[in-house]
Each structure stands twice: as structure tokens, then as C-alpha cells.
Amino acid sequence: MFYKKDNTPHKTAREGVHFKTLVHGQNTSLHEFRLDSGSVIPIHSHPHEQTGYMVSGRMHFVLQDRKIFVERGDSWCIPGNMEHGVEVMEDSVVIEVFSPVRKEYLD
């Protein structure tokens, strides 16, 4: 599967959190997220391993009892089933890979 950049709009996952699925295979899916400044993704967990790269912006990840600051150029890998959340400090663009595929993010 290939993805060619187009003007397909991002979907809204929750207020301030917009995503577009770029490609997916049998084991992984790749997504672009656009996160509005001030938005919050509450503490949650899912069975998917989540690997990401911060294209632009600034955020705090909340993992267990820690707050981890991330900015442009930073990356992360969160194991499946680990509780985590996000506080967005400025408009941000993030690319993330999930394994297994996040089927609820597919068209």
C-alpha cells in the first residue's frame, strides 16, 4: 500500500485531536495526528505498541507518575497496555505507528 499526499481532510478523534491514516499493512498502521494547543488526551491504554515522532509542536506525555516533555525531533515508543495521556502545549503534528493495526482508525 502506498499513500500519495492529498487534500483528504483529517478525522476528529476528540476535540482538538485530528488524524489521518496514511498506510497500513497486516501488522502496523501509520497515522498523522494534528493536535490543537490546549487539547488533552486523557489517561488511557490500548493493546497496541505506539511509536511516534514529533514533527512540530510541544507536548507533555503523562506516563504513570511521570510527565515527559517532547518537542520537534523527539520520538517515543509506548508499550501496549501502558497507561498514558497527553497535554498539548502548542499546535503539534505527530506521526505514529501502531502495532497491531489500529482498526478503529481505518476508513
N, C-alpha and C. Protein backbone atom coordinates (compact mmCIF):
# COMPACT_ATOMS: atom_id res chain seq x y z
N MET A 1 0.85 -1.17 0.00
CA MET A 1 0.00 0.00 0.00
C MET A 1 0.89 1.23 0.00
N PHE A 2 0.52 2.22 -0.78
CA PHE A 2 1.24 3.49 -0.83
C PHE A 2 0.26 4.62 -0.55
N TYR A 3 0.77 5.69 -0.01
CA TYR A 3 -0.03 6.88 0.22
C TYR A 3 0.62 8.04 -0.50
N LYS A 4 -0.14 8.71 -1.33
CA LYS A 4 0.32 9.92 -2.01
C LYS A 4 -0.39 11.09 -1.34
N LYS A 5 0.39 12.09 -0.93
CA LYS A 5 -0.19 13.24 -0.25
C LYS A 5 -1.36 13.80 -1.05
N ASP A 6 -2.46 14.06 -0.34
CA ASP A 6 -3.64 14.63 -0.97
C ASP A 6 -4.31 15.59 0.01
N ASN A 7 -5.45 16.08 -0.36
CA ASN A 7 -6.16 17.04 0.48
C ASN A 7 -7.30 16.41 1.27
N THR A 8 -7.27 15.08 1.44
CA THR A 8 -8.28 14.41 2.24
C THR A 8 -8.25 15.01 3.64
N PRO A 9 -9.40 15.41 4.17
CA PRO A 9 -9.39 16.03 5.49
C PRO A 9 -9.07 15.02 6.60
N HIS A 10 -8.53 15.54 7.69
CA HIS A 10 -8.30 14.72 8.88
C HIS A 10 -9.65 14.45 9.55
N LYS A 11 -9.74 13.31 10.21
CA LYS A 11 -10.92 12.99 11.01
C LYS A 11 -10.69 13.50 12.43
N THR A 12 -11.75 13.76 13.15
CA THR A 12 -11.63 14.23 14.52
C THR A 12 -11.85 13.05 15.47
N ALA A 13 -10.83 12.73 16.26
CA ALA A 13 -10.92 11.65 17.23
C ALA A 13 -11.60 12.14 18.51
N ARG A 14 -11.30 13.38 18.87
CA ARG A 14 -11.89 14.08 20.03
C ARG A 14 -11.59 15.55 19.84
N GLU A 15 -12.16 16.40 20.62
CA GLU A 15 -11.94 17.83 20.45
C GLU A 15 -10.44 18.14 20.49
N GLY A 16 -9.96 18.80 19.44
CA GLY A 16 -8.55 19.20 19.37
C GLY A 16 -7.60 18.13 18.88
N VAL A 17 -8.11 16.94 18.56
CA VAL A 17 -7.27 15.82 18.12
C VAL A 17 -7.79 15.32 16.78
N HIS A 18 -6.98 15.51 15.73
CA HIS A 18 -7.38 15.17 14.36
C HIS A 18 -6.34 14.22 13.78
N PHE A 19 -6.80 13.24 13.01
CA PHE A 19 -5.87 12.24 12.47
C PHE A 19 -6.23 11.85 11.05
N LYS A 20 -5.22 11.33 10.39
CA LYS A 20 -5.39 10.78 9.05
C LYS A 20 -4.56 9.49 9.01
N THR A 21 -5.18 8.39 8.59
CA THR A 21 -4.44 7.16 8.39
C THR A 21 -3.72 7.27 7.06
N LEU A 22 -2.41 7.08 7.09
CA LEU A 22 -1.60 7.19 5.88
C LEU A 22 -1.52 5.86 5.16
N VAL A 23 -1.02 4.83 5.83
CA VAL A 23 -0.96 3.48 5.26
C VAL A 23 -1.10 2.46 6.39
N HIS A 24 -1.39 1.23 6.00
CA HIS A 24 -1.42 0.13 6.97
C HIS A 24 -1.12 -1.17 6.25
N GLY A 25 -0.61 -2.11 7.01
CA GLY A 25 -0.34 -3.44 6.50
C GLY A 25 -1.03 -4.44 7.38
N GLN A 26 -0.50 -5.66 7.43
CA GLN A 26 -1.11 -6.68 8.29
C GLN A 26 -0.79 -6.45 9.76
N ASN A 27 0.37 -5.85 10.07
CA ASN A 27 0.82 -5.76 11.45
C ASN A 27 0.97 -4.34 12.00
N THR A 28 1.01 -3.34 11.12
CA THR A 28 1.23 -1.97 11.57
C THR A 28 0.32 -1.00 10.83
N SER A 29 0.09 0.14 11.47
CA SER A 29 -0.62 1.23 10.79
C SER A 29 0.11 2.53 11.10
N LEU A 30 0.12 3.44 10.12
CA LEU A 30 0.85 4.71 10.20
C LEU A 30 -0.16 5.85 10.11
N HIS A 31 -0.07 6.81 11.06
CA HIS A 31 -1.05 7.88 11.15
C HIS A 31 -0.38 9.22 11.36
N GLU A 32 -1.00 10.26 10.82
CA GLU A 32 -0.59 11.63 11.09
C GLU A 32 -1.64 12.24 12.03
N PHE A 33 -1.17 12.83 13.13
CA PHE A 33 -2.05 13.49 14.08
C PHE A 33 -1.75 14.99 14.08
N ARG A 34 -2.80 15.78 14.10
CA ARG A 34 -2.69 17.23 14.28
C ARG A 34 -3.42 17.54 15.58
N LEU A 35 -2.68 18.09 16.52
CA LEU A 35 -3.19 18.31 17.87
C LEU A 35 -3.23 19.81 18.16
N ASP A 36 -4.38 20.30 18.58
CA ASP A 36 -4.54 21.72 18.86
C ASP A 36 -3.98 22.07 20.23
N SER A 37 -3.35 23.23 20.31
CA SER A 37 -2.83 23.73 21.58
C SER A 37 -3.93 23.71 22.64
N GLY A 38 -3.59 23.23 23.84
CA GLY A 38 -4.54 23.18 24.94
C GLY A 38 -5.37 21.92 25.00
N SER A 39 -5.32 21.09 23.96
CA SER A 39 -6.11 19.86 24.00
C SER A 39 -5.45 18.83 24.91
N VAL A 40 -6.27 17.92 25.40
CA VAL A 40 -5.82 16.89 26.33
C VAL A 40 -6.35 15.54 25.85
N ILE A 41 -5.47 14.56 25.83
CA ILE A 41 -5.88 13.17 25.61
C ILE A 41 -5.81 12.52 26.98
N PRO A 42 -6.96 12.17 27.56
CA PRO A 42 -6.97 11.64 28.93
C PRO A 42 -6.17 10.34 29.06
N ILE A 43 -5.81 10.03 30.27
CA ILE A 43 -5.11 8.77 30.57
C ILE A 43 -5.95 7.61 30.02
N HIS A 44 -5.28 6.75 29.26
CA HIS A 44 -5.93 5.59 28.66
C HIS A 44 -4.87 4.53 28.38
N SER A 45 -5.31 3.38 27.96
CA SER A 45 -4.39 2.34 27.50
C SER A 45 -5.06 1.58 26.36
N HIS A 46 -4.24 0.89 25.59
CA HIS A 46 -4.72 0.07 24.49
C HIS A 46 -3.68 -1.02 24.26
N PRO A 47 -4.05 -2.10 23.60
CA PRO A 47 -3.10 -3.21 23.44
C PRO A 47 -1.99 -2.92 22.42
N HIS A 48 -2.09 -1.82 21.70
CA HIS A 48 -1.15 -1.51 20.63
C HIS A 48 0.14 -0.88 21.15
N GLU A 49 1.28 -1.36 20.67
CA GLU A 49 2.53 -0.64 20.87
C GLU A 49 2.43 0.63 20.02
N GLN A 50 2.91 1.77 20.56
CA GLN A 50 2.74 3.07 19.91
C GLN A 50 4.11 3.73 19.78
N THR A 51 4.57 3.89 18.55
CA THR A 51 5.87 4.52 18.29
C THR A 51 5.61 5.81 17.53
N GLY A 52 6.21 6.92 18.02
CA GLY A 52 5.90 8.20 17.40
C GLY A 52 7.10 9.09 17.19
N TYR A 53 6.88 10.11 16.34
CA TYR A 53 7.89 11.13 16.02
C TYR A 53 7.19 12.48 16.00
N MET A 54 7.77 13.44 16.70
CA MET A 54 7.21 14.79 16.79
C MET A 54 7.73 15.64 15.65
N VAL A 55 6.88 15.93 14.68
CA VAL A 55 7.25 16.74 13.52
C VAL A 55 7.35 18.20 13.92
N SER A 56 6.38 18.67 14.68
CA SER A 56 6.39 20.06 15.14
C SER A 56 5.53 20.17 16.39
N GLY A 57 5.80 21.20 17.19
CA GLY A 57 5.00 21.44 18.38
C GLY A 57 5.69 21.06 19.67
N ARG A 58 4.90 21.10 20.74
CA ARG A 58 5.38 20.74 22.08
C ARG A 58 4.23 20.10 22.85
N MET A 59 4.55 19.00 23.57
CA MET A 59 3.54 18.28 24.36
C MET A 59 4.19 17.72 25.61
N HIS A 60 3.34 17.35 26.56
CA HIS A 60 3.74 16.55 27.71
C HIS A 60 3.03 15.21 27.61
N PHE A 61 3.80 14.13 27.66
CA PHE A 61 3.21 12.81 27.85
C PHE A 61 3.10 12.58 29.34
N VAL A 62 2.01 11.98 29.76
CA VAL A 62 1.83 11.59 31.15
C VAL A 62 1.86 10.07 31.16
N LEU A 63 2.90 9.51 31.80
CA LEU A 63 3.09 8.06 31.89
C LEU A 63 3.25 7.69 33.35
N GLN A 64 2.30 6.93 33.86
CA GLN A 64 2.32 6.55 35.26
C GLN A 64 2.46 7.82 36.10
N ASP A 65 3.51 7.98 36.88
CA ASP A 65 3.68 9.16 37.74
C ASP A 65 4.63 10.18 37.13
N ARG A 66 4.91 10.08 35.84
CA ARG A 66 5.90 10.97 35.20
C ARG A 66 5.25 11.83 34.13
N LYS A 67 5.79 13.03 33.96
CA LYS A 67 5.43 13.91 32.85
C LYS A 67 6.68 14.05 32.01
N ILE A 68 6.59 13.73 30.73
CA ILE A 68 7.75 13.76 29.85
C ILE A 68 7.50 14.80 28.76
N PHE A 69 8.36 15.80 28.69
CA PHE A 69 8.25 16.87 27.70
C PHE A 69 8.81 16.39 26.37
N VAL A 70 8.06 16.60 25.28
CA VAL A 70 8.54 16.28 23.94
C VAL A 70 8.36 17.50 23.04
N GLU A 71 9.31 17.65 22.12
CA GLU A 71 9.26 18.75 21.16
C GLU A 71 9.77 18.24 19.81
N ARG A 72 9.79 19.14 18.83
CA ARG A 72 10.17 18.79 17.46
C ARG A 72 11.45 17.94 17.44
N GLY A 73 11.40 16.84 16.72
CA GLY A 73 12.55 15.95 16.58
C GLY A 73 12.61 14.82 17.58
N ASP A 74 11.78 14.88 18.65
CA ASP A 74 11.78 13.81 19.65
C ASP A 74 10.94 12.62 19.17
N SER A 75 11.20 11.45 19.73
CA SER A 75 10.44 10.25 19.40
C SER A 75 10.21 9.42 20.65
N TRP A 76 9.32 8.44 20.56
CA TRP A 76 8.95 7.62 21.71
C TRP A 76 8.42 6.28 21.25
N CYS A 77 8.40 5.36 22.19
CA CYS A 77 7.75 4.06 21.99
C CYS A 77 7.09 3.69 23.31
N ILE A 78 5.78 3.54 23.28
CA ILE A 78 5.00 3.21 24.47
C ILE A 78 4.51 1.77 24.31
N PRO A 79 4.86 0.91 25.26
CA PRO A 79 4.42 -0.49 25.16
C PRO A 79 2.90 -0.61 25.20
N GLY A 80 2.37 -1.66 24.60
CA GLY A 80 0.94 -1.93 24.68
C GLY A 80 0.50 -2.06 26.13
N ASN A 81 -0.71 -1.63 26.41
CA ASN A 81 -1.36 -1.73 27.72
C ASN A 81 -0.78 -0.80 28.78
N MET A 82 0.17 0.07 28.42
CA MET A 82 0.69 1.04 29.40
C MET A 82 -0.22 2.26 29.41
N GLU A 83 -0.64 2.68 30.60
CA GLU A 83 -1.48 3.86 30.71
C GLU A 83 -0.67 5.10 30.37
N HIS A 84 -1.29 5.98 29.58
CA HIS A 84 -0.63 7.22 29.15
C HIS A 84 -1.67 8.24 28.72
N GLY A 85 -1.26 9.49 28.71
CA GLY A 85 -2.11 10.58 28.26
C GLY A 85 -1.21 11.67 27.68
N VAL A 86 -1.82 12.73 27.14
CA VAL A 86 -1.06 13.80 26.51
C VAL A 86 -1.70 15.15 26.84
N GLU A 87 -0.84 16.13 27.13
CA GLU A 87 -1.26 17.52 27.26
C GLU A 87 -0.52 18.29 26.17
N VAL A 88 -1.27 18.93 25.27
CA VAL A 88 -0.68 19.61 24.13
C VAL A 88 -0.43 21.07 24.49
N MET A 89 0.83 21.49 24.41
CA MET A 89 1.24 22.83 24.82
C MET A 89 1.18 23.84 23.68
N GLU A 90 1.35 23.39 22.44
CA GLU A 90 1.18 24.25 21.26
C GLU A 90 0.76 23.36 20.11
N ASP A 91 0.17 23.97 19.07
CA ASP A 91 -0.26 23.18 17.92
C ASP A 91 0.87 22.23 17.52
N SER A 92 0.53 20.97 17.31
CA SER A 92 1.55 19.94 17.08
C SER A 92 1.16 19.02 15.93
N VAL A 93 2.17 18.48 15.27
CA VAL A 93 1.99 17.44 14.25
C VAL A 93 2.85 16.26 14.67
N VAL A 94 2.24 15.09 14.71
CA VAL A 94 2.90 13.87 15.17
C VAL A 94 2.64 12.76 14.16
N ILE A 95 3.64 11.94 13.89
CA ILE A 95 3.49 10.73 13.08
C ILE A 95 3.63 9.54 14.02
N GLU A 96 2.67 8.62 13.98
CA GLU A 96 2.73 7.46 14.87
C GLU A 96 2.43 6.16 14.13
N VAL A 97 3.12 5.12 14.60
CA VAL A 97 2.93 3.75 14.11
C VAL A 97 2.33 2.95 15.26
N PHE A 98 1.30 2.17 14.96
CA PHE A 98 0.70 1.28 15.95
C PHE A 98 0.84 -0.16 15.48
N SER A 99 1.12 -1.04 16.43
CA SER A 99 1.18 -2.48 16.16
C SER A 99 0.52 -3.21 17.33
N PRO A 100 -0.49 -4.04 17.06
CA PRO A 100 -1.06 -4.32 15.76
C PRO A 100 -1.82 -3.10 15.20
N VAL A 101 -2.37 -3.26 14.02
CA VAL A 101 -3.10 -2.19 13.33
C VAL A 101 -4.21 -1.64 14.21
N ARG A 102 -4.35 -0.31 14.26
CA ARG A 102 -5.48 0.33 14.94
C ARG A 102 -6.67 0.31 14.00
N LYS A 103 -7.42 -0.77 14.01
CA LYS A 103 -8.52 -0.95 13.06
C LYS A 103 -9.58 0.13 13.18
N GLU A 104 -9.76 0.68 14.38
CA GLU A 104 -10.78 1.72 14.54
C GLU A 104 -10.39 3.03 13.84
N TYR A 105 -9.11 3.15 13.43
CA TYR A 105 -8.64 4.35 12.71
C TYR A 105 -8.70 4.16 11.20
N LEU A 106 -9.04 2.98 10.72
CA LEU A 106 -9.10 2.73 9.28
C LEU A 106 -10.42 3.22 8.74
N ASP A 107 -10.44 3.55 7.45
CA ASP A 107 -11.69 4.01 6.81
C ASP A 107 -12.69 2.90 6.73
